[in-house]
Amino acid sequence: MNDFEKQLDDGTFLRCHQSFIVNMERVTGAENDSFHIGEHVIPISRSYNRNAHEKYDEYLRLQQEYDEEEED
């Protein structure tokens, strides 16, 4: 999966578990130990937790800035 992960856009996709990579554009909710994509719950492992949440928070911040620029 590491080779596959290298081909993905780092600004949109993130690894949250040894077995899962999520598309942040599809995340509908986040908790301390999981992301939600619709009805699916994707676990966030302890080893990826800090990085996953930091990247997701940064993604949300950038999306908000982009949306605000579009409104102007």
Protein backbone atom coordinates (compact mmCIF):
# COMPACT_ATOMS: atom_id res chain seq x y z
CA MET A 1 0.00 0.00 0.00
CA ASN A 2 2.98 2.35 0.47
CA ASP A 3 3.59 2.54 -3.30
CA PHE A 4 -0.09 3.30 -3.85
CA GLU A 5 -0.03 5.97 -1.14
CA LYS A 6 2.90 7.75 -2.82
CA GLN A 7 0.81 8.16 -5.99
CA LEU A 8 -2.01 9.96 -4.18
CA ASP A 9 -2.35 13.71 -3.65
CA ASP A 10 -0.99 14.45 -0.18
CA GLY A 11 -3.39 17.39 0.18
CA THR A 12 -6.49 15.25 -0.27
CA PHE A 13 -5.64 11.75 0.95
CA LEU A 14 -4.24 10.71 4.29
CA ARG A 15 -3.25 7.48 5.95
CA CYS A 16 -5.09 6.96 9.22
CA HIS A 17 -4.40 3.27 9.77
CA GLN A 18 -2.10 0.59 8.42
CA SER A 19 -5.03 -0.67 6.34
CA PHE A 20 -6.83 2.59 5.50
CA ILE A 21 -6.21 5.74 3.47
CA VAL A 22 -9.06 8.26 3.41
CA ASN A 23 -10.07 10.92 0.91
CA MET A 24 -10.58 13.98 3.11
CA GLU A 25 -13.08 15.38 0.61
CA ARG A 26 -15.40 12.49 1.54
CA VAL A 27 -15.08 12.66 5.34
CA THR A 28 -18.43 13.58 6.88
CA GLY A 29 -17.32 13.48 10.51
CA ALA A 30 -14.33 12.93 12.74
CA GLU A 31 -13.85 11.62 16.24
CA ASN A 32 -10.70 11.03 18.24
CA ASP A 33 -10.34 7.45 17.01
CA SER A 34 -12.26 7.41 13.71
CA PHE A 35 -13.33 9.22 10.57
CA HIS A 36 -16.85 8.87 9.19
CA ILE A 37 -17.54 8.63 5.49
CA GLY A 38 -21.29 8.42 5.18
CA GLU A 39 -22.34 5.40 7.22
CA HIS A 40 -18.83 3.93 7.23
CA VAL A 41 -16.57 4.28 10.25
CA ILE A 42 -12.87 4.27 9.40
CA PRO A 43 -10.58 3.65 12.39
CA ILE A 44 -7.63 5.89 13.20
CA SER A 45 -4.86 3.88 14.79
CA ARG A 46 -2.85 5.27 17.70
CA SER A 47 0.30 5.44 15.61
CA TYR A 48 -1.39 7.62 12.95
CA ASN A 49 -3.71 9.58 15.26
CA ARG A 50 -1.77 12.81 15.76
CA ASN A 51 -0.69 13.14 12.12
CA ALA A 52 -4.14 12.23 10.79
CA HIS A 53 -5.89 14.84 12.91
CA GLU A 54 -3.29 17.51 12.17
CA LYS A 55 -3.62 16.93 8.42
CA TYR A 56 -7.41 16.83 8.59
CA ASP A 57 -7.57 20.03 10.66
CA GLU A 58 -5.24 21.73 8.17
CA TYR A 59 -7.41 20.49 5.27
CA LEU A 60 -10.53 21.94 6.93
CA ARG A 61 -8.78 25.26 7.59
CA LEU A 62 -7.66 25.55 3.97
CA GLN A 63 -11.13 24.62 2.71
CA GLN A 64 -12.65 27.32 4.89
CA GLU A 65 -10.18 29.91 3.58
CA TYR A 66 -10.93 28.86 0.00
CA ASP A 67 -14.68 29.08 0.60
CA GLU A 68 -14.30 32.56 2.11
CA GLU A 69 -12.27 33.71 -0.91
CA GLU A 70 -14.96 32.39 -3.24
CA GLU A 71 -17.59 34.45 -1.40
CA ASP A 72 -15.64 37.70 -1.92
